[in-house]
C-alpha atoms as a PDB file:
ATOM      1  CA  UNK A   1     164.863  55.596 250.527  1.00  0.00           C
ATOM      2  CA  UNK A   2     168.526  55.539 249.582  1.00  0.00           C
ATOM      3  CA  UNK A   3     171.340  53.952 251.416  1.00  0.00           C
ATOM      4  CA  UNK A   4     172.791  55.216 254.684  1.00  0.00           C
ATOM      5  CA  UNK A   5     175.866  53.396 255.861  1.00  0.00           C
ATOM      6  CA  UNK A   6     178.154  54.253 258.743  1.00  0.00           C
ATOM      7  CA  UNK A   7     181.701  52.977 258.793  1.00  0.00           C
ATOM      8  CA  UNK A   8     183.284  52.947 262.247  1.00  0.00           C
ATOM      9  CA  UNK A   9     186.513  51.868 263.859  1.00  0.00           C
ATOM     10  CA  UNK A  10     187.171  50.371 267.265  1.00  0.00           C
ATOM     11  CA  UNK A  11     189.535  53.240 268.084  1.00  0.00           C
ATOM     12  CA  UNK A  12     187.560  55.336 270.542  1.00  0.00           C
ATOM     13  CA  UNK A  13     189.848  58.325 270.037  1.00  0.00           C
ATOM     14  CA  UNK A  14     188.229  59.084 266.664  1.00  0.00           C
ATOM     15  CA  UNK A  15     186.543  62.429 266.680  1.00  0.00           C
ATOM     16  CA  UNK A  16     186.044  63.868 263.196  1.00  0.00           C
ATOM     17  CA  UNK A  17     182.860  62.625 261.490  1.00  0.00           C
ATOM     18  CA  UNK A  18     182.645  62.837 257.695  1.00  0.00           C
ATOM     19  CA  UNK A  19     179.647  62.062 255.497  1.00  0.00           C
ATOM     20  CA  UNK A  20     180.415  61.162 251.887  1.00  0.00           C
ATOM     21  CA  UNK A  21     177.223  61.940 249.981  1.00  0.00           C
ATOM     22  CA  UNK A  22     177.729  60.609 246.459  1.00  0.00           C
ATOM     23  CA  UNK A  23     175.774  58.211 244.243  1.00  0.00           C
ATOM     24  CA  UNK A  24     178.866  56.763 242.527  1.00  0.00           C
ATOM     25  CA  UNK A  25     179.855  53.596 244.395  1.00  0.00           C
ATOM     26  CA  UNK A  26     183.455  53.605 243.161  1.00  0.00           C
ATOM     27  CA  UNK A  27     183.978  57.216 244.309  1.00  0.00           C
ATOM     28  CA  UNK A  28     182.468  56.479 247.717  1.00  0.00           C
ATOM     29  CA  UNK A  29     184.640  53.416 248.202  1.00  0.00           C
ATOM     30  CA  UNK A  30     187.846  55.161 247.133  1.00  0.00           C
ATOM     31  CA  UNK A  31     187.276  58.191 249.373  1.00  0.00           C
ATOM     32  CA  UNK A  32     186.174  55.967 252.237  1.00  0.00           C
ATOM     33  CA  UNK A  33     189.417  54.002 251.890  1.00  0.00           C
ATOM     34  CA  UNK A  34     191.495  57.194 251.997  1.00  0.00           C
ATOM     35  CA  UNK A  35     189.698  58.560 255.030  1.00  0.00           C
ATOM     36  CA  UNK A  36     189.577  55.295 256.992  1.00  0.00           C
ATOM     37  CA  UNK A  37     193.377  55.235 256.873  1.00  0.00           C
ATOM     38  CA  UNK A  38     193.289  58.298 259.134  1.00  0.00           C
ATOM     39  CA  UNK A  39     192.997  57.329 262.831  1.00  0.00           C
ATOM     40  CA  UNK A  40     190.913  60.355 263.778  1.00  0.00           C
ATOM     41  CA  UNK A  41     188.200  60.162 261.088  1.00  0.00           C
ATOM     42  CA  UNK A  42     184.930  58.213 261.030  1.00  0.00           C
ATOM     43  CA  UNK A  43     183.058  57.846 257.750  1.00  0.00           C
ATOM     44  CA  UNK A  44     179.366  57.622 256.926  1.00  0.00           C
ATOM     45  CA  UNK A  45     177.932  57.171 253.437  1.00  0.00           C
ATOM     46  CA  UNK A  46     174.799  58.326 251.613  1.00  0.00           C
ATOM     47  CA  UNK A  47     173.800  58.060 247.966  1.00  0.00           C
ATOM     48  CA  UNK A  48     170.982  60.566 247.432  1.00  0.00           C
ATOM     49  CA  UNK A  49     169.537  63.738 248.924  1.00  0.00           C
ATOM     50  CA  UNK A  50     166.926  61.970 251.065  1.00  0.00           C
ATOM     51  CA  UNK A  51     169.456  59.631 252.694  1.00  0.00           C
ATOM     52  CA  UNK A  52     171.861  62.541 253.191  1.00  0.00           C
ATOM     53  CA  UNK A  53     169.235  64.583 255.036  1.00  0.00           C
ATOM     54  CA  UNK A  54     168.275  61.543 257.095  1.00  0.00           C
ATOM     55  CA  UNK A  55     171.901  60.854 257.992  1.00  0.00           C
ATOM     56  CA  UNK A  56     172.419  64.456 259.107  1.00  0.00           C
ATOM     57  CA  UNK A  57     169.319  64.281 261.280  1.00  0.00           C
ATOM     58  CA  UNK A  58     170.296  60.957 262.873  1.00  0.00           C
ATOM     59  CA  UNK A  59     173.867  62.057 263.554  1.00  0.00           C
ATOM     60  CA  UNK A  60     172.974  65.540 264.728  1.00  0.00           C
ATOM     61  CA  UNK A  61     175.241  66.921 262.019  1.00  0.00           C
ATOM     62  CA  UNK A  62     178.640  65.839 260.713  1.00  0.00           C
ATOM     63  CA  UNK A  63     181.935  67.668 261.118  1.00  0.00           C
ATOM     64  CA  UNK A  64     182.148  67.697 257.311  1.00  0.00           C
ATOM     65  CA  UNK A  65     179.630  66.729 254.636  1.00  0.00           C
ATOM     66  CA  UNK A  66     181.167  66.077 251.206  1.00  0.00           C
ATOM     67  CA  UNK A  67     178.228  66.752 248.909  1.00  0.00           C
ATOM     68  CA  UNK A  68     177.948  65.616 245.293  1.00  0.00           C
ATOM     69  CA  UNK A  69     175.857  68.040 243.243  1.00  0.00           C
ATOM     70  CA  UNK A  70     174.669  65.364 240.816  1.00  0.00           C
ATOM     71  CA  UNK A  71     173.108  62.928 243.301  1.00  0.00           C
ATOM     72  CA  UNK A  72     169.464  61.906 242.799  1.00  0.00           C
ATOM     73  CA  UNK A  73     167.109  64.447 244.354  1.00  0.00           C
ATOM     74  CA  UNK A  74     169.637  67.281 244.561  1.00  0.00           C
ATOM     75  CA  UNK A  75     168.087  69.657 241.996  1.00  0.00           C
ATOM     76  CA  UNK A  76     171.249  71.737 242.025  1.00  0.00           C
ATOM     77  CA  UNK A  77     171.638  74.474 244.614  1.00  0.00           C
ATOM     78  CA  UNK A  78     168.232  73.753 246.135  1.00  0.00           C
ATOM     79  CA  UNK A  79     169.615  70.472 247.434  1.00  0.00           C
ATOM     80  CA  UNK A  80     172.780  72.163 248.657  1.00  0.00           C
ATOM     81  CA  UNK A  81     170.730  74.613 250.686  1.00  0.00           C
ATOM     82  CA  UNK A  82     168.720  71.778 252.263  1.00  0.00           C
ATOM     83  CA  UNK A  83     171.834  69.867 253.300  1.00  0.00           C
ATOM     84  CA  UNK A  84     173.446  73.005 254.751  1.00  0.00           C
ATOM     85  CA  UNK A  85     170.328  73.558 256.852  1.00  0.00           C
ATOM     86  CA  UNK A  86     170.155  69.894 257.898  1.00  0.00           C
ATOM     87  CA  UNK A  87     173.797  69.845 259.014  1.00  0.00           C
ATOM     88  CA  UNK A  88     173.279  72.786 261.335  1.00  0.00           C
ATOM     89  CA  UNK A  89     176.277  75.065 261.670  1.00  0.00           C
ATOM     90  CA  UNK A  90     178.737  72.353 260.659  1.00  0.00           C
ATOM     91  CA  UNK A  91     180.567  72.522 257.298  1.00  0.00           C
ATOM     92  CA  UNK A  92     179.195  71.308 253.988  1.00  0.00           C
ATOM     93  CA  UNK A  93     181.594  71.318 251.038  1.00  0.00           C
ATOM     94  CA  UNK A  94     180.825  70.634 247.379  1.00  0.00           C
ATOM     95  CA  UNK A  95     182.410  67.398 246.145  1.00  0.00           C
ATOM     96  CA  UNK A  96     182.229  67.315 242.386  1.00  0.00           C
ATOM     97  CA  UNK A  97     184.177  66.587 239.251  1.00  0.00           C
ATOM     98  CA  UNK A  98     182.810  69.452 237.193  1.00  0.00           C
ATOM     99  CA  UNK A  99     181.236  72.168 239.337  1.00  0.00           C
ATOM    100  CA  UNK A 100     181.192  75.500 237.513  1.00  0.00           C
ATOM    101  CA  UNK A 101     182.748  78.492 239.184  1.00  0.00           C
ATOM    102  CA  UNK A 102     179.416  80.265 239.214  1.00  0.00           C
ATOM    103  CA  UNK A 103     177.799  77.309 240.969  1.00  0.00           C
ATOM    104  CA  UNK A 104     180.602  77.165 243.545  1.00  0.00           C
ATOM    105  CA  UNK A 105     180.326  80.898 244.220  1.00  0.00           C
ATOM    106  CA  UNK A 106     176.557  80.636 244.667  1.00  0.00           C
ATOM    107  CA  UNK A 107     176.955  77.650 246.976  1.00  0.00           C
ATOM    108  CA  UNK A 108     179.464  79.578 249.094  1.00  0.00           C
ATOM    109  CA  UNK A 109     177.007  82.462 249.293  1.00  0.00           C
ATOM    110  CA  UNK A 110     174.439  79.960 250.612  1.00  0.00           C
ATOM    111  CA  UNK A 111     176.867  78.843 253.305  1.00  0.00           C
ATOM    112  CA  UNK A 112     178.899  76.033 251.726  1.00  0.00           C
ATOM    113  CA  UNK A 113     182.532  75.851 252.789  1.00  0.00           C
ATOM    114  CA  UNK A 114     184.052  75.592 249.339  1.00  0.00           C
ATOM    115  CA  UNK A 115     184.711  72.994 246.685  1.00  0.00           C
ATOM    116  CA  UNK A 116     186.771  69.788 246.740  1.00  0.00           C
ATOM    117  CA  UNK A 117     187.331  68.333 243.233  1.00  0.00           C
ATOM    118  CA  UNK A 118     186.997  64.570 242.905  1.00  0.00           C
ATOM    119  CA  UNK A 119     190.348  64.615 241.114  1.00  0.00           C
ATOM    120  CA  UNK A 120     192.185  65.862 244.208  1.00  0.00           C
ATOM    121  CA  UNK A 121     195.026  63.498 245.258  1.00  0.00           C
ATOM    122  CA  UNK A 122     194.411  61.417 248.381  1.00  0.00           C
ATOM    123  CA  UNK A 123     196.788  63.325 250.656  1.00  0.00           C
ATOM    124  CA  UNK A 124     195.420  66.664 249.481  1.00  0.00           C
ATOM    125  CA  UNK A 125     191.882  65.359 249.988  1.00  0.00           C
ATOM    126  CA  UNK A 126     192.412  64.575 253.653  1.00  0.00           C
ATOM    127  CA  UNK A 127     194.167  67.899 254.161  1.00  0.00           C
ATOM    128  CA  UNK A 128     191.254  69.710 252.496  1.00  0.00           C
ATOM    129  CA  UNK A 129     188.754  67.954 254.757  1.00  0.00           C
ATOM    130  CA  UNK A 130     190.720  68.901 257.861  1.00  0.00           C
ATOM    131  CA  UNK A 131     190.884  72.492 256.579  1.00  0.00           C
ATOM    132  CA  UNK A 132     187.104  72.585 256.132  1.00  0.00           C
ATOM    133  CA  UNK A 133     186.494  70.896 259.493  1.00  0.00           C
ATOM    134  CA  UNK A 134     188.516  73.706 261.081  1.00  0.00           C
ATOM    135  CA  UNK A 135     185.963  76.191 259.761  1.00  0.00           C
ATOM    136  CA  UNK A 136     187.866  77.424 256.712  1.00  0.00           C
ATOM    137  CA  UNK A 137     186.678  77.683 253.105  1.00  0.00           C
ATOM    138  CA  UNK A 138     188.606  75.360 250.800  1.00  0.00           C
ATOM    139  CA  UNK A 139     189.109  76.130 247.120  1.00  0.00           C
ATOM    140  CA  UNK A 140     191.731  74.390 244.968  1.00  0.00           C
ATOM    141  CA  UNK A 141     194.511  76.597 243.639  1.00  0.00           C
ATOM    142  CA  UNK A 142     193.435  75.791 240.083  1.00  0.00           C
ATOM    143  CA  UNK A 143     190.031  77.285 240.895  1.00  0.00           C
ATOM    144  CA  UNK A 144     191.613  80.484 242.193  1.00  0.00           C
ATOM    145  CA  UNK A 145     193.998  80.840 239.272  1.00  0.00           C
ATOM    146  CA  UNK A 146     191.849  79.745 236.332  1.00  0.00           C
ATOM    147  CA  UNK A 147     188.450  81.351 236.824  1.00  0.00           C
ATOM    148  CA  UNK A 148     186.490  82.242 233.725  1.00  0.00           C
ATOM    149  CA  UNK A 149     185.855  85.976 233.281  1.00  0.00           C
ATOM    150  CA  UNK A 150     182.407  87.421 233.791  1.00  0.00           C
ATOM    151  CA  UNK A 151     181.232  89.987 231.181  1.00  0.00           C
ATOM    152  CA  UNK A 152     181.925  93.014 233.372  1.00  0.00           C
ATOM    153  CA  UNK A 153     185.411  91.685 234.152  1.00  0.00           C
ATOM    154  CA  UNK A 154     186.322  90.864 230.526  1.00  0.00           C
ATOM    155  CA  UNK A 155     190.051  91.103 229.952  1.00  0.00           C
ATOM    156  CA  UNK A 156     190.974  90.903 233.645  1.00  0.00           C
ATOM    157  CA  UNK A 157     189.678  87.382 234.359  1.00  0.00           C
ATOM    158  CA  UNK A 158     188.566  88.236 237.894  1.00  0.00           C
ATOM    159  CA  UNK A 159     186.192  85.814 239.565  1.00  0.00           C
ATOM    160  CA  UNK A 160     183.155  87.039 241.482  1.00  0.00           C
ATOM    161  CA  UNK A 161     184.888  86.253 244.787  1.00  0.00           C
ATOM    162  CA  UNK A 162     188.065  88.061 243.702  1.00  0.00           C
ATOM    163  CA  UNK A 163     185.970  91.073 242.738  1.00  0.00           C
ATOM    164  CA  UNK A 164     184.426  91.151 246.218  1.00  0.00           C
ATOM    165  CA  UNK A 165     187.881  91.029 247.798  1.00  0.00           C
ATOM    166  CA  UNK A 166     189.141  93.737 245.451  1.00  0.00           C
ATOM    167  CA  UNK A 167     186.185  95.980 246.269  1.00  0.00           C
ATOM    168  CA  UNK A 168     186.924  95.750 249.980  1.00  0.00           C
ATOM    169  CA  UNK A 169     190.596  96.416 249.254  1.00  0.00           C
ATOM    170  CA  UNK A 170     189.616  99.587 247.392  1.00  0.00           C
ATOM    171  CA  UNK A 171     187.602 100.612 250.452  1.00  0.00           C
ATOM    172  CA  UNK A 172     190.903 100.672 252.334  1.00  0.00           C
ATOM    173  CA  UNK A 173     190.349  97.554 254.401  1.00  0.00           C
ATOM    174  CA  UNK A 174     193.164  95.338 255.637  1.00  0.00           C
ATOM    175  CA  UNK A 175     193.397  91.614 254.914  1.00  0.00           C
ATOM    176  CA  UNK A 176     192.283  90.934 258.490  1.00  0.00           C
ATOM    177  CA  UNK A 177     189.215  93.154 258.117  1.00  0.00           C
ATOM    178  CA  UNK A 178     188.340  91.597 254.759  1.00  0.00           C
ATOM    179  CA  UNK A 179     188.715  88.108 256.199  1.00  0.00           C
ATOM    180  CA  UNK A 180     186.413  88.962 259.113  1.00  0.00           C
ATOM    181  CA  UNK A 181     183.730  90.505 256.892  1.00  0.00           C
ATOM    182  CA  UNK A 182     183.793  87.642 254.380  1.00  0.00           C
ATOM    183  CA  UNK A 183     184.064  85.018 257.144  1.00  0.00           C
ATOM    184  CA  UNK A 184     187.242  83.590 255.633  1.00  0.00           C
ATOM    185  CA  UNK A 185     190.738  83.120 257.003  1.00  0.00           C
ATOM    186  CA  UNK A 186     193.511  85.638 256.402  1.00  0.00           C
ATOM    187  CA  UNK A 187     195.403  82.892 254.581  1.00  0.00           C
ATOM    188  CA  UNK A 188     192.528  82.549 252.107  1.00  0.00           C
ATOM    189  CA  UNK A 189     192.365  86.316 251.596  1.00  0.00           C
ATOM    190  CA  UNK A 190     196.117  86.402 250.959  1.00  0.00           C
ATOM    191  CA  UNK A 191     195.633  83.700 248.314  1.00  0.00           C
ATOM    192  CA  UNK A 192     192.989  85.863 246.658  1.00  0.00           C
ATOM    193  CA  UNK A 193     195.271  88.894 246.859  1.00  0.00           C
ATOM    194  CA  UNK A 194     198.100  87.029 245.127  1.00  0.00           C
ATOM    195  CA  UNK A 195     195.726  85.913 242.397  1.00  0.00           C
ATOM    196  CA  UNK A 196     194.301  89.446 241.989  1.00  0.00           C
ATOM    197  CA  UNK A 197     197.770  90.998 241.724  1.00  0.00           C
ATOM    198  CA  UNK A 198     198.766  88.362 239.165  1.00  0.00           C
ATOM    199  CA  UNK A 199     195.687  88.982 237.012  1.00  0.00           C
ATOM    200  CA  UNK A 200     196.011  92.775 237.151  1.00  0.00           C
ATOM    201  CA  UNK A 201     199.782  92.801 236.761  1.00  0.00           C
ATOM    202  CA  UNK A 202     200.025  94.668 240.060  1.00  0.00           C
ATOM    203  CA  UNK A 203     203.206  94.856 242.147  1.00  0.00           C
ATOM    204  CA  UNK A 204     201.307  94.782 245.442  1.00  0.00           C
ATOM    205  CA  UNK A 205     197.850  95.259 246.966  1.00  0.00           C
ATOM    206  CA  UNK A 206     198.142  99.074 246.832  1.00  0.00           C
ATOM    207  CA  UNK A 207     198.994  98.937 243.146  1.00  0.00           C
ATOM    208  CA  UNK A 208     196.052  96.562 242.588  1.00  0.00           C
ATOM    209  CA  UNK A 209     193.690  99.061 244.218  1.00  0.00           C
ATOM    210  CA  UNK A 210     195.054 101.836 241.992  1.00  0.00           C
ATOM    211  CA  UNK A 211     194.487  99.757 238.849  1.00  0.00           C
ATOM    212  CA  UNK A 212     190.981  98.830 239.991  1.00  0.00           C
ATOM    213  CA  UNK A 213     190.079 102.473 240.579  1.00  0.00           C
ATOM    214  CA  UNK A 214     191.592 103.614 237.283  1.00  0.00           C
ATOM    215  CA  UNK A 215     189.614 101.038 235.280  1.00  0.00           C
ATOM    216  CA  UNK A 216     186.428 101.066 237.423  1.00  0.00           C
ATOM    217  CA  UNK A 217     186.677  97.320 238.079  1.00  0.00           C
ATOM    218  CA  UNK A 218     184.611  97.458 241.294  1.00  0.00           C
END
């Protein structure tokens, strides 16, 4: 059985519980140090799938689980699905240095709340965790702006998630309606819209829908 370690503070006002599930000791220690500097965050640690599932069961779920895809026992998305189930309805976010966009999209479809790169600066890391804990899906701007094209989107560089947003846009839905249907925030949808308009060279969302219809992008 792998390690399970809980780091606590004497400050009883702490409320947000975070599990760092990663088999790299240096990464765990660095992230733990960042998070422990926040007065409202408690940190627990796990280093493989089995100890992660055990920690979730013992704690009754964490406010955020930061899940490394490459931990022992993970077996890719199968492990992600198990951790999502074990953490109940509370957020699980991928925590990786090299997660592919396809993997991230599939994980989100399974219920993950986005992707936090291990290269994210400390301040941005804590902000991302708070964002996820609030129920939002976090994706770094570089992920939104630099997606690789899929074959059917060749030349436009639209990600699978952007294509879903664009399809709903072409159906005449508002940002609020799209956000509700995709279970994302309006802020996230607006980020996708900006990225879509940039990729298509559109002046606004209406122009983007016109381009999409003209070129049968959705």
